């Protein structure tokens, strides 16, 4: 009888030790999982901080470059959700489609900005003419102007396949009715750049309006 009691107590002790060992193992596993999750969370937080810092740097750089376009070249920049419009002071001689020497610096700077911040986005070069001549002739002339500017931009590194041109003739005149040698007629002989891609307008707006702390 005593031997049986000893055996029972022994088995009970073994079960107790086993339970303690199992509990200890579970606790260690829980601690390991918690530690792993904490490390992963801290790593993700660090990556997020780095991403935010990089984004702020990029937006600050974009804001500075856009401001340069405004200050040095008189560009007007209008941003919408998926589109950014650059009205550049690039004009043409009467009845001519050649890119003028004095406009090349502005086009080069625009190409640099487009390559750096809008790489992969579609760009449309809109050409315009003053109202001298027929509407049909002006449409063709404005298209040639847009094509000349595209050729210049492609030579600066823009993707030929992403740049298209359109001739809008004498529409959207800056100086209504001004033609030939009239005052302000040159403003009607111009190009406008439209960059289209999801989010480009939002990014541009953030760059120009957000406070970078």
Protein backbone atom coordinates (compact mmCIF):
# COMPACT_ATOMS: atom_id res chain seq x y z
CA UNK A 1 0.00 0.00 0.00
CA UNK A 2 2.80 2.38 0.88
CA UNK A 3 4.54 1.58 -2.37
CA UNK A 4 1.36 2.47 -4.24
CA UNK A 5 1.14 5.84 -2.43
CA UNK A 6 4.76 6.56 -3.22
CA UNK A 7 4.06 5.76 -6.87
CA UNK A 8 1.00 8.02 -6.93
CA UNK A 9 2.92 10.88 -5.29
CA UNK A 10 5.74 10.35 -7.75
CA UNK A 11 3.40 10.53 -10.70
CA UNK A 12 1.72 13.63 -9.28
CA UNK A 13 5.11 15.27 -8.78
CA UNK A 14 6.13 14.40 -12.31
CA UNK A 15 2.89 15.84 -13.68
CA UNK A 16 3.43 19.01 -11.66
CA UNK A 17 6.97 19.37 -12.94
CA UNK A 18 5.74 18.73 -16.47
CA UNK A 19 3.07 21.41 -16.10
CA UNK A 20 5.65 23.87 -14.81
CA UNK A 21 7.96 23.03 -17.70
CA UNK A 22 5.14 23.48 -20.21
CA UNK A 23 4.10 26.77 -18.64
CA UNK A 24 7.68 27.98 -18.77
CA UNK A 25 7.99 27.00 -22.43
CA UNK A 26 4.76 28.83 -23.31
CA UNK A 27 5.91 31.91 -21.45
CA UNK A 28 9.20 31.89 -23.30
CA UNK A 29 7.39 31.53 -26.63
CA UNK A 30 5.06 34.41 -25.78
CA UNK A 31 8.02 36.57 -24.79
CA UNK A 32 9.78 35.70 -28.06
CA UNK A 33 6.71 36.54 -30.16
CA UNK A 34 6.17 39.81 -28.32
CA UNK A 35 9.82 40.76 -28.75
CA UNK A 36 9.73 39.87 -32.45
CA UNK A 37 6.59 41.92 -32.97
CA UNK A 38 8.11 44.86 -31.11
CA UNK A 39 11.25 44.74 -33.26
CA UNK A 40 9.14 44.51 -36.43
CA UNK A 41 6.95 47.41 -35.29
CA UNK A 42 9.95 49.55 -34.41
CA UNK A 43 11.55 48.71 -37.75
CA UNK A 44 8.35 49.65 -39.60
CA UNK A 45 8.10 52.88 -37.62
CA UNK A 46 11.70 53.73 -38.49
CA UNK A 47 11.05 53.00 -42.17
CA UNK A 48 7.95 55.20 -42.07
CA UNK A 49 9.93 58.02 -40.50
CA UNK A 50 12.58 57.67 -43.21
CA UNK A 51 9.90 57.66 -45.92
CA UNK A 52 8.29 60.80 -44.50
CA UNK A 53 11.66 62.51 -44.28
CA UNK A 54 12.46 61.54 -47.88
CA UNK A 55 9.05 62.78 -49.02
CA UNK A 56 9.57 66.10 -47.29
CA UNK A 57 12.98 66.41 -48.93
CA UNK A 58 11.53 65.65 -52.36
CA UNK A 59 8.65 68.10 -51.90
CA UNK A 60 11.02 70.81 -50.70
CA UNK A 61 13.25 70.27 -53.73
CA UNK A 62 10.24 70.36 -56.07
CA UNK A 63 8.95 73.52 -54.43
CA UNK A 64 12.34 75.21 -54.85
CA UNK A 65 12.60 74.22 -58.51
CA UNK A 66 9.06 75.36 -59.27
CA UNK A 67 9.81 78.65 -57.56
CA UNK A 68 12.88 79.01 -59.77
CA UNK A 69 10.71 78.54 -62.84
CA UNK A 70 8.44 81.29 -61.56
CA UNK A 71 11.10 83.74 -60.47
CA UNK A 72 13.67 83.32 -63.22
CA UNK A 73 11.46 82.52 -66.18
CA UNK A 74 8.05 83.93 -65.30
CA UNK A 75 6.29 80.57 -65.52
CA UNK A 76 2.71 80.25 -64.35
CA UNK A 77 1.94 76.87 -62.80
CA UNK A 78 -1.58 75.56 -62.25
CA UNK A 79 -2.12 72.22 -60.51
CA UNK A 80 -5.19 70.00 -60.41
CA UNK A 81 -5.51 66.46 -59.04
CA UNK A 82 -4.01 64.58 -61.99
CA UNK A 83 -2.67 67.43 -64.09
CA UNK A 84 -0.18 70.26 -63.91
CA UNK A 85 -0.20 73.10 -66.46
CA UNK A 86 2.95 75.12 -67.12
CA UNK A 87 2.46 78.35 -69.02
CA UNK A 88 5.99 79.26 -70.02
CA UNK A 89 7.18 82.56 -71.52
CA UNK A 90 8.15 80.81 -74.76
CA UNK A 91 7.01 82.80 -77.80
CA UNK A 92 7.54 82.86 -81.54
CA UNK A 93 8.27 85.38 -84.24
CA UNK A 94 5.42 86.26 -86.59
CA UNK A 95 4.59 83.41 -88.98
CA UNK A 96 7.49 81.35 -87.65
CA UNK A 97 7.73 78.04 -85.79
CA UNK A 98 11.40 78.07 -84.78
CA UNK A 99 12.44 77.92 -81.12
CA UNK A 100 14.11 81.25 -80.38
CA UNK A 101 17.55 81.43 -78.82
CA UNK A 102 16.27 83.52 -75.93
CA UNK A 103 13.69 80.87 -75.01
CA UNK A 104 16.04 77.91 -74.87
CA UNK A 105 17.11 78.41 -71.23
CA UNK A 106 13.49 78.30 -70.06
CA UNK A 107 12.84 75.15 -72.08
CA UNK A 108 15.98 73.51 -70.74
CA UNK A 109 14.94 74.27 -67.17
CA UNK A 110 11.44 72.93 -67.79
CA UNK A 111 12.92 69.73 -69.24
CA UNK A 112 15.09 69.29 -66.13
CA UNK A 113 12.10 69.68 -63.82
CA UNK A 114 9.96 67.33 -65.92
CA UNK A 115 12.69 64.69 -66.02
CA UNK A 116 13.36 64.91 -62.29
CA UNK A 117 9.87 65.07 -60.82
CA UNK A 118 7.44 63.96 -63.54
CA UNK A 119 9.42 61.17 -65.16
CA UNK A 120 7.05 58.71 -66.82
CA UNK A 121 4.16 61.18 -67.02
CA UNK A 122 2.51 62.14 -70.31
CA UNK A 123 3.29 65.66 -71.49
CA UNK A 124 1.23 67.56 -74.05
CA UNK A 125 2.74 70.58 -75.78
CA UNK A 126 -0.07 72.94 -76.80
CA UNK A 127 0.83 75.35 -79.58
CA UNK A 128 -0.94 78.65 -80.29
CA UNK A 129 -0.97 81.36 -82.92
CA UNK A 130 -2.13 84.96 -83.16
CA UNK A 131 -5.30 85.62 -85.23
CA UNK A 132 -3.51 86.82 -88.37
CA UNK A 133 -4.29 84.51 -91.29
CA UNK A 134 -6.98 81.89 -91.66
CA UNK A 135 -8.05 79.62 -88.85
CA UNK A 136 -6.86 76.61 -90.84
CA UNK A 137 -3.42 78.12 -91.43
CA UNK A 138 -3.09 79.14 -87.79
CA UNK A 139 -3.98 75.63 -86.62
CA UNK A 140 -1.21 74.17 -88.78
CA UNK A 141 1.27 76.88 -87.71
CA UNK A 142 0.54 76.32 -84.03
CA UNK A 143 1.05 72.56 -84.50
CA UNK A 144 4.45 73.19 -86.10
CA UNK A 145 5.38 75.36 -83.13
CA UNK A 146 4.41 72.61 -80.70
CA UNK A 147 6.40 70.10 -82.75
CA UNK A 148 9.50 72.33 -82.70
CA UNK A 149 9.30 72.63 -78.94
CA UNK A 150 8.81 68.88 -78.57
CA UNK A 151 11.93 68.23 -80.64
CA UNK A 152 13.88 70.58 -78.39
CA UNK A 153 12.60 68.91 -75.21
CA UNK A 154 13.35 65.41 -76.52
CA UNK A 155 16.89 66.57 -77.27
CA UNK A 156 17.07 67.54 -73.57
CA UNK A 157 16.22 63.99 -72.52
CA UNK A 158 12.43 63.80 -72.38
CA UNK A 159 10.88 60.55 -73.58
CA UNK A 160 9.74 61.00 -77.18
CA UNK A 161 6.93 58.49 -76.69
CA UNK A 162 5.49 60.41 -73.72
CA UNK A 163 5.44 63.84 -75.36
CA UNK A 164 2.62 64.65 -77.76
CA UNK A 165 1.72 67.87 -79.52
CA UNK A 166 -1.46 69.65 -80.47
CA UNK A 167 -2.08 72.83 -82.44
CA UNK A 168 -4.84 74.99 -81.01
CA UNK A 169 -4.50 77.81 -83.51
CA UNK A 170 -5.76 81.21 -82.45
CA UNK A 171 -7.88 79.91 -79.56
CA UNK A 172 -7.44 81.12 -75.97
CA UNK A 173 -5.78 84.38 -76.96
CA UNK A 174 -3.86 86.19 -74.23
CA UNK A 175 -4.30 89.52 -76.03
CA UNK A 176 -7.58 89.20 -77.91
CA UNK A 177 -7.28 90.39 -81.49
CA UNK A 178 -3.56 91.23 -81.30
CA UNK A 179 -1.79 89.97 -84.43
CA UNK A 180 1.37 90.53 -86.42
CA UNK A 181 3.24 93.51 -85.02
CA UNK A 182 0.42 94.61 -82.70
CA UNK A 183 1.31 95.20 -79.08
CA UNK A 184 0.94 91.95 -77.16
CA UNK A 185 0.59 89.80 -80.29
CA UNK A 186 3.68 87.83 -79.30
CA UNK A 187 1.84 86.61 -76.20
CA UNK A 188 -0.64 84.84 -78.47
CA UNK A 189 2.19 83.00 -80.25
CA UNK A 190 3.14 80.63 -77.46
CA UNK A 191 3.17 77.10 -76.07
CA UNK A 192 1.69 75.63 -72.90
CA UNK A 193 2.77 72.35 -71.27
CA UNK A 194 0.27 70.00 -69.67
CA UNK A 195 1.65 67.13 -67.57
CA UNK A 196 -0.82 64.34 -66.84
CA UNK A 197 -0.41 61.41 -64.46
CA UNK A 198 -2.26 60.19 -61.35
CA UNK A 199 -1.33 62.32 -58.39
CA UNK A 200 1.02 64.77 -60.13
CA UNK A 201 -1.24 67.70 -59.38
CA UNK A 202 -1.60 66.69 -55.74
CA UNK A 203 2.16 66.37 -55.35
CA UNK A 204 2.72 69.75 -56.97
CA UNK A 205 0.09 71.37 -54.78
CA UNK A 206 1.68 69.82 -51.68
CA UNK A 207 5.07 71.10 -52.74
CA UNK A 208 3.86 74.63 -53.25
CA UNK A 209 1.49 74.97 -50.32
CA UNK A 210 2.53 72.57 -47.55
CA UNK A 211 4.57 73.82 -44.63
CA UNK A 212 7.81 71.85 -44.40
CA UNK A 213 8.82 71.74 -40.77
